[in-house]
Amino acid sequence: MQHNSWNLGNISFSFPYSLRQRIKATPIPMASASVDHISLCSSPDREFDLKEAYNLACAVQDSHFYEPFMGNWVWKTITLPKIKCFLWQCIHKSIPAREVLSARVLVVPISCPLCNAHIESIIHILHDCPLANEFWDSFLVSIHTSTFYCTNLLDWLQINCTKYHSLVSGIS
């Protein structure tokens, strides 16, 4: 804004003519003497950064943010990069389990096609399904603890990737 009129020449790209005309037709408030500033940041002393963009992208209607991402440990795990990516996808619910697909409004049956007894969630695929139980029980190493089959997905992944890292990393 310059001299009580819009100065569109300061913008690094051009608007279509009709939009430019609508901007110019917007009245400029004369009551405010303050200088324009970017107000995307939640606090005035911070610059707009990737974290701020992520928080804005996660904002819900009542202006609260989702819980912070609790999976930064994934990238510190001593394992193959493809396993780290798989863990990251599990934590972000990006594995195409039927429950995840259904939540994304895809019309799919949500029962597990292997056991037909439970909803196919990521945690079901990894340890709740009877076939997954057979897999884990087949290890010669006793990996069972009181929490092995009783925790949520995030805790289960983190416990097993840190406590049993030799199994995850492929190191015998």
C-alpha atoms as a PDB file:
ATOM      1  CA  MET A   1       0.000   0.000   0.000  1.00  0.00           C
ATOM      2  CA  GLN A   2       1.359   3.379  -0.906  1.00  0.00           C
ATOM      3  CA  HIS A   3      -0.289   6.793  -0.506  1.00  0.00           C
ATOM      4  CA  ASN A   4      -3.680   5.305   0.384  1.00  0.00           C
ATOM      5  CA  SER A   5      -3.831   3.120  -2.713  1.00  0.00           C
ATOM      6  CA  TRP A   6      -2.758  -0.404  -3.528  1.00  0.00           C
ATOM      7  CA  ASN A   7       0.732  -0.744  -5.000  1.00  0.00           C
ATOM      8  CA  LEU A   8       0.590  -4.083  -6.810  1.00  0.00           C
ATOM      9  CA  GLY A   9       4.001  -3.445  -8.374  1.00  0.00           C
ATOM     10  CA  ASN A  10       5.697  -4.656  -5.169  1.00  0.00           C
ATOM     11  CA  ILE A  11       4.387  -8.186  -5.700  1.00  0.00           C
ATOM     12  CA  SER A  12       6.790 -10.517  -7.508  1.00  0.00           C
ATOM     13  CA  PHE A  13       4.070 -12.086  -9.666  1.00  0.00           C
ATOM     14  CA  SER A  14       1.106 -10.721 -11.568  1.00  0.00           C
ATOM     15  CA  PHE A  15      -2.535 -11.317 -10.784  1.00  0.00           C
ATOM     16  CA  PRO A  16      -5.134 -11.896 -13.476  1.00  0.00           C
ATOM     17  CA  TYR A  17      -6.754  -8.636 -14.563  1.00  0.00           C
ATOM     18  CA  SER A  18     -10.121  -9.377 -12.890  1.00  0.00           C
ATOM     19  CA  LEU A  19      -8.459 -10.165  -9.553  1.00  0.00           C
ATOM     20  CA  ARG A  20      -6.264  -7.075  -9.800  1.00  0.00           C
ATOM     21  CA  GLN A  21      -9.394  -4.968 -10.294  1.00  0.00           C
ATOM     22  CA  ARG A  22     -11.079  -6.556  -7.259  1.00  0.00           C
ATOM     23  CA  ILE A  23      -8.015  -5.835  -5.095  1.00  0.00           C
ATOM     24  CA  LYS A  24      -7.930  -2.218  -6.240  1.00  0.00           C
ATOM     25  CA  ALA A  25     -11.653  -1.906  -5.486  1.00  0.00           C
ATOM     26  CA  THR A  26     -11.119  -3.023  -1.879  1.00  0.00           C
ATOM     27  CA  PRO A  27     -11.205   0.035   0.378  1.00  0.00           C
ATOM     28  CA  ILE A  28      -8.115   0.727   2.446  1.00  0.00           C
ATOM     29  CA  PRO A  29      -8.888   1.435   6.114  1.00  0.00           C
ATOM     30  CA  MET A  30      -7.729   4.914   7.071  1.00  0.00           C
ATOM     31  CA  ALA A  31      -8.098   4.447  10.839  1.00  0.00           C
ATOM     32  CA  SER A  32      -5.058   2.212  11.212  1.00  0.00           C
ATOM     33  CA  ALA A  33      -1.650   3.831  11.352  1.00  0.00           C
ATOM     34  CA  SER A  34       0.211   0.561  11.860  1.00  0.00           C
ATOM     35  CA  VAL A  35       2.591  -0.919   9.338  1.00  0.00           C
ATOM     36  CA  ASP A  36       1.622  -4.096   7.478  1.00  0.00           C
ATOM     37  CA  HIS A  37       3.287  -7.266   8.706  1.00  0.00           C
ATOM     38  CA  ILE A  38       3.124 -11.010   8.126  1.00  0.00           C
ATOM     39  CA  SER A  39       0.904 -12.575  10.753  1.00  0.00           C
ATOM     40  CA  LEU A  40       1.237 -16.289  10.014  1.00  0.00           C
ATOM     41  CA  CYS A  41       3.363 -16.921  13.098  1.00  0.00           C
ATOM     42  CA  SER A  42       1.770 -17.790  16.392  1.00  0.00           C
ATOM     43  CA  SER A  43       4.192 -15.571  18.281  1.00  0.00           C
ATOM     44  CA  PRO A  44       5.422 -12.146  17.139  1.00  0.00           C
ATOM     45  CA  ASP A  45       9.094 -12.782  17.961  1.00  0.00           C
ATOM     46  CA  ARG A  46       9.437 -15.835  15.675  1.00  0.00           C
ATOM     47  CA  GLU A  47       9.926 -16.032  11.959  1.00  0.00           C
ATOM     48  CA  PHE A  48       7.715 -18.208   9.818  1.00  0.00           C
ATOM     49  CA  ASP A  49       9.471 -21.566   9.448  1.00  0.00           C
ATOM     50  CA  LEU A  50       8.728 -25.173   8.525  1.00  0.00           C
ATOM     51  CA  LYS A  51       7.545 -26.023  12.049  1.00  0.00           C
ATOM     52  CA  GLU A  52       5.101 -23.116  11.958  1.00  0.00           C
ATOM     53  CA  ALA A  53       3.858 -24.259   8.530  1.00  0.00           C
ATOM     54  CA  TYR A  54       3.347 -27.780   9.887  1.00  0.00           C
ATOM     55  CA  ASN A  55       1.380 -26.422  12.855  1.00  0.00           C
ATOM     56  CA  LEU A  56      -0.796 -24.370  10.515  1.00  0.00           C
ATOM     57  CA  ALA A  57      -1.376 -27.402   8.301  1.00  0.00           C
ATOM     58  CA  CYS A  58      -2.431 -29.471  11.309  1.00  0.00           C
ATOM     59  CA  ALA A  59      -4.746 -26.830  12.749  1.00  0.00           C
ATOM     60  CA  VAL A  60      -8.254 -28.021  13.493  1.00  0.00           C
ATOM     61  CA  GLN A  61     -11.400 -25.905  13.419  1.00  0.00           C
ATOM     62  CA  ASP A  62     -11.292 -24.942  17.075  1.00  0.00           C
ATOM     63  CA  SER A  63      -7.729 -23.636  16.551  1.00  0.00           C
ATOM     64  CA  HIS A  64      -6.071 -26.315  18.678  1.00  0.00           C
ATOM     65  CA  PHE A  65      -3.225 -28.270  17.141  1.00  0.00           C
ATOM     66  CA  TYR A  66      -2.846 -32.009  16.904  1.00  0.00           C
ATOM     67  CA  GLU A  67      -0.491 -33.667  19.333  1.00  0.00           C
ATOM     68  CA  PRO A  68       3.155 -33.193  18.403  1.00  0.00           C
ATOM     69  CA  PHE A  69       4.829 -35.927  16.385  1.00  0.00           C
ATOM     70  CA  MET A  70       6.318 -38.428  18.815  1.00  0.00           C
ATOM     71  CA  GLY A  71       8.343 -40.464  16.346  1.00  0.00           C
ATOM     72  CA  ASN A  72      11.618 -38.577  16.050  1.00  0.00           C
ATOM     73  CA  TRP A  73      13.313 -41.616  17.577  1.00  0.00           C
ATOM     74  CA  VAL A  74      12.686 -43.470  14.277  1.00  0.00           C
ATOM     75  CA  TRP A  75      15.517 -41.674  12.499  1.00  0.00           C
ATOM     76  CA  LYS A  76      17.943 -42.500  15.329  1.00  0.00           C
ATOM     77  CA  THR A  77      17.160 -46.226  15.187  1.00  0.00           C
ATOM     78  CA  ILE A  78      20.085 -48.346  14.038  1.00  0.00           C
ATOM     79  CA  THR A  79      18.512 -50.124  11.083  1.00  0.00           C
ATOM     80  CA  LEU A  80      18.123 -50.036   7.326  1.00  0.00           C
ATOM     81  CA  PRO A  81      16.645 -46.867   5.799  1.00  0.00           C
ATOM     82  CA  LYS A  82      13.693 -48.802   4.346  1.00  0.00           C
ATOM     83  CA  ILE A  83      12.779 -50.032   7.839  1.00  0.00           C
ATOM     84  CA  LYS A  84      12.981 -46.466   9.169  1.00  0.00           C
ATOM     85  CA  CYS A  85      10.624 -45.369   6.384  1.00  0.00           C
ATOM     86  CA  PHE A  86       8.239 -48.207   7.230  1.00  0.00           C
ATOM     87  CA  LEU A  87       8.245 -47.209  10.912  1.00  0.00           C
ATOM     88  CA  TRP A  88       7.620 -43.569   9.979  1.00  0.00           C
ATOM     89  CA  GLN A  89       4.706 -44.648   7.765  1.00  0.00           C
ATOM     90  CA  CYS A  90       3.265 -46.739  10.604  1.00  0.00           C
ATOM     91  CA  ILE A  91       3.412 -43.817  13.019  1.00  0.00           C
ATOM     92  CA  HIS A  92       1.801 -41.486  10.466  1.00  0.00           C
ATOM     93  CA  LYS A  93      -0.877 -44.085   9.667  1.00  0.00           C
ATOM     94  CA  SER A  94       0.263 -44.216   6.055  1.00  0.00           C
ATOM     95  CA  ILE A  95       0.246 -48.003   5.767  1.00  0.00           C
ATOM     96  CA  PRO A  96      -2.787 -49.001   3.669  1.00  0.00           C
ATOM     97  CA  ALA A  97      -4.464 -51.116   6.328  1.00  0.00           C
ATOM     98  CA  ARG A  98      -8.201 -51.423   5.760  1.00  0.00           C
ATOM     99  CA  GLU A  99      -9.014 -49.289   8.810  1.00  0.00           C
ATOM    100  CA  VAL A 100      -6.812 -46.475   7.437  1.00  0.00           C
ATOM    101  CA  LEU A 101      -8.324 -46.761   3.959  1.00  0.00           C
ATOM    102  CA  SER A 102     -11.832 -46.706   5.405  1.00  0.00           C
ATOM    103  CA  ALA A 103     -11.008 -43.581   7.431  1.00  0.00           C
ATOM    104  CA  ARG A 104      -9.997 -41.948   4.141  1.00  0.00           C
ATOM    105  CA  VAL A 105     -13.506 -42.609   2.853  1.00  0.00           C
ATOM    106  CA  LEU A 106     -12.603 -45.540   0.627  1.00  0.00           C
ATOM    107  CA  VAL A 107     -15.293 -48.178   0.548  1.00  0.00           C
ATOM    108  CA  VAL A 108     -13.497 -51.331   1.641  1.00  0.00           C
ATOM    109  CA  PRO A 109     -14.423 -54.076   4.082  1.00  0.00           C
ATOM    110  CA  ILE A 110     -12.517 -53.336   7.279  1.00  0.00           C
ATOM    111  CA  SER A 111     -12.194 -56.869   8.611  1.00  0.00           C
ATOM    112  CA  CYS A 112      -8.820 -58.570   8.374  1.00  0.00           C
ATOM    113  CA  PRO A 113      -8.739 -60.807   5.267  1.00  0.00           C
ATOM    114  CA  LEU A 114      -6.410 -63.256   7.030  1.00  0.00           C
ATOM    115  CA  CYS A 115      -8.336 -63.941  10.227  1.00  0.00           C
ATOM    116  CA  ASN A 116     -11.745 -62.365   9.445  1.00  0.00           C
ATOM    117  CA  ALA A 117     -12.143 -61.801  13.167  1.00  0.00           C
ATOM    118  CA  HIS A 118     -10.954 -58.248  13.778  1.00  0.00           C
ATOM    119  CA  ILE A 119     -10.623 -54.852  12.127  1.00  0.00           C
ATOM    120  CA  GLU A 120      -7.461 -54.716  10.037  1.00  0.00           C
ATOM    121  CA  SER A 121      -5.536 -51.889  11.716  1.00  0.00           C
ATOM    122  CA  ILE A 122      -1.789 -51.374  11.562  1.00  0.00           C
ATOM    123  CA  ILE A 123      -1.325 -52.771  15.067  1.00  0.00           C
ATOM    124  CA  HIS A 124      -3.518 -55.755  14.142  1.00  0.00           C
ATOM    125  CA  ILE A 125      -1.343 -56.508  11.112  1.00  0.00           C
ATOM    126  CA  LEU A 126       1.864 -56.191  13.127  1.00  0.00           C
ATOM    127  CA  HIS A 127       0.965 -58.124  16.266  1.00  0.00           C
ATOM    128  CA  ASP A 128      -2.732 -58.713  17.025  1.00  0.00           C
ATOM    129  CA  CYS A 129      -3.592 -60.980  14.095  1.00  0.00           C
ATOM    130  CA  PRO A 130      -3.204 -64.703  14.897  1.00  0.00           C
ATOM    131  CA  LEU A 131      -0.837 -65.038  11.918  1.00  0.00           C
ATOM    132  CA  ALA A 132       1.314 -62.219  13.293  1.00  0.00           C
ATOM    133  CA  ASN A 133       1.284 -63.982  16.679  1.00  0.00           C
ATOM    134  CA  GLU A 134       2.541 -67.163  15.007  1.00  0.00           C
ATOM    135  CA  PHE A 135       5.305 -65.188  13.340  1.00  0.00           C
ATOM    136  CA  TRP A 136       6.494 -63.599  16.594  1.00  0.00           C
ATOM    137  CA  ASP A 137       6.164 -66.895  18.487  1.00  0.00           C
ATOM    138  CA  SER A 138       8.364 -68.645  15.899  1.00  0.00           C
ATOM    139  CA  PHE A 139      11.469 -66.722  16.956  1.00  0.00           C
ATOM    140  CA  LEU A 140      13.914 -68.814  18.933  1.00  0.00           C
ATOM    141  CA  VAL A 141      14.842 -65.771  20.983  1.00  0.00           C
ATOM    142  CA  SER A 142      12.331 -65.123  23.703  1.00  0.00           C
ATOM    143  CA  ILE A 143      11.096 -61.641  22.885  1.00  0.00           C
ATOM    144  CA  HIS A 144       7.914 -61.808  24.891  1.00  0.00           C
ATOM    145  CA  THR A 145       7.509 -59.399  27.730  1.00  0.00           C
ATOM    146  CA  SER A 146       4.438 -58.329  29.619  1.00  0.00           C
ATOM    147  CA  THR A 147       3.989 -55.443  27.175  1.00  0.00           C
ATOM    148  CA  PHE A 148       4.712 -57.177  23.870  1.00  0.00           C
ATOM    149  CA  TYR A 149       1.055 -57.742  22.940  1.00  0.00           C
ATOM    150  CA  CYS A 150      -0.519 -55.121  25.222  1.00  0.00           C
ATOM    151  CA  THR A 151       0.642 -51.689  24.066  1.00  0.00           C
ATOM    152  CA  ASN A 152      -0.508 -49.145  21.519  1.00  0.00           C
ATOM    153  CA  LEU A 153       1.173 -48.879  18.129  1.00  0.00           C
ATOM    154  CA  LEU A 154       3.610 -46.057  18.901  1.00  0.00           C
ATOM    155  CA  ASP A 155       4.780 -47.565  22.192  1.00  0.00           C
ATOM    156  CA  TRP A 156       5.021 -51.059  20.696  1.00  0.00           C
ATOM    157  CA  LEU A 157       7.164 -49.867  17.800  1.00  0.00           C
ATOM    158  CA  GLN A 158       9.438 -47.810  20.023  1.00  0.00           C
ATOM    159  CA  ILE A 159       9.875 -50.505  22.683  1.00  0.00           C
ATOM    160  CA  ASN A 160      10.661 -53.195  20.141  1.00  0.00           C
ATOM    161  CA  CYS A 161      12.947 -51.057  18.015  1.00  0.00           C
ATOM    162  CA  THR A 162      15.030 -49.933  20.956  1.00  0.00           C
ATOM    163  CA  LYS A 163      14.935 -53.013  23.182  1.00  0.00           C
ATOM    164  CA  TYR A 164      15.351 -55.546  20.391  1.00  0.00           C
ATOM    165  CA  HIS A 165      17.345 -53.445  17.943  1.00  0.00           C
ATOM    166  CA  SER A 166      19.404 -56.442  16.812  1.00  0.00           C
ATOM    167  CA  LEU A 167      16.218 -58.016  15.427  1.00  0.00           C
ATOM    168  CA  VAL A 168      15.209 -54.802  13.656  1.00  0.00           C
ATOM    169  CA  SER A 169      18.661 -54.024  12.307  1.00  0.00           C
ATOM    170  CA  GLY A 170      19.187 -57.518  10.958  1.00  0.00           C
ATOM    171  CA  ILE A 171      22.272 -58.012  13.137  1.00  0.00           C
ATOM    172  CA  SER A 172      22.540 -61.507  14.567  1.00  0.00           C
END
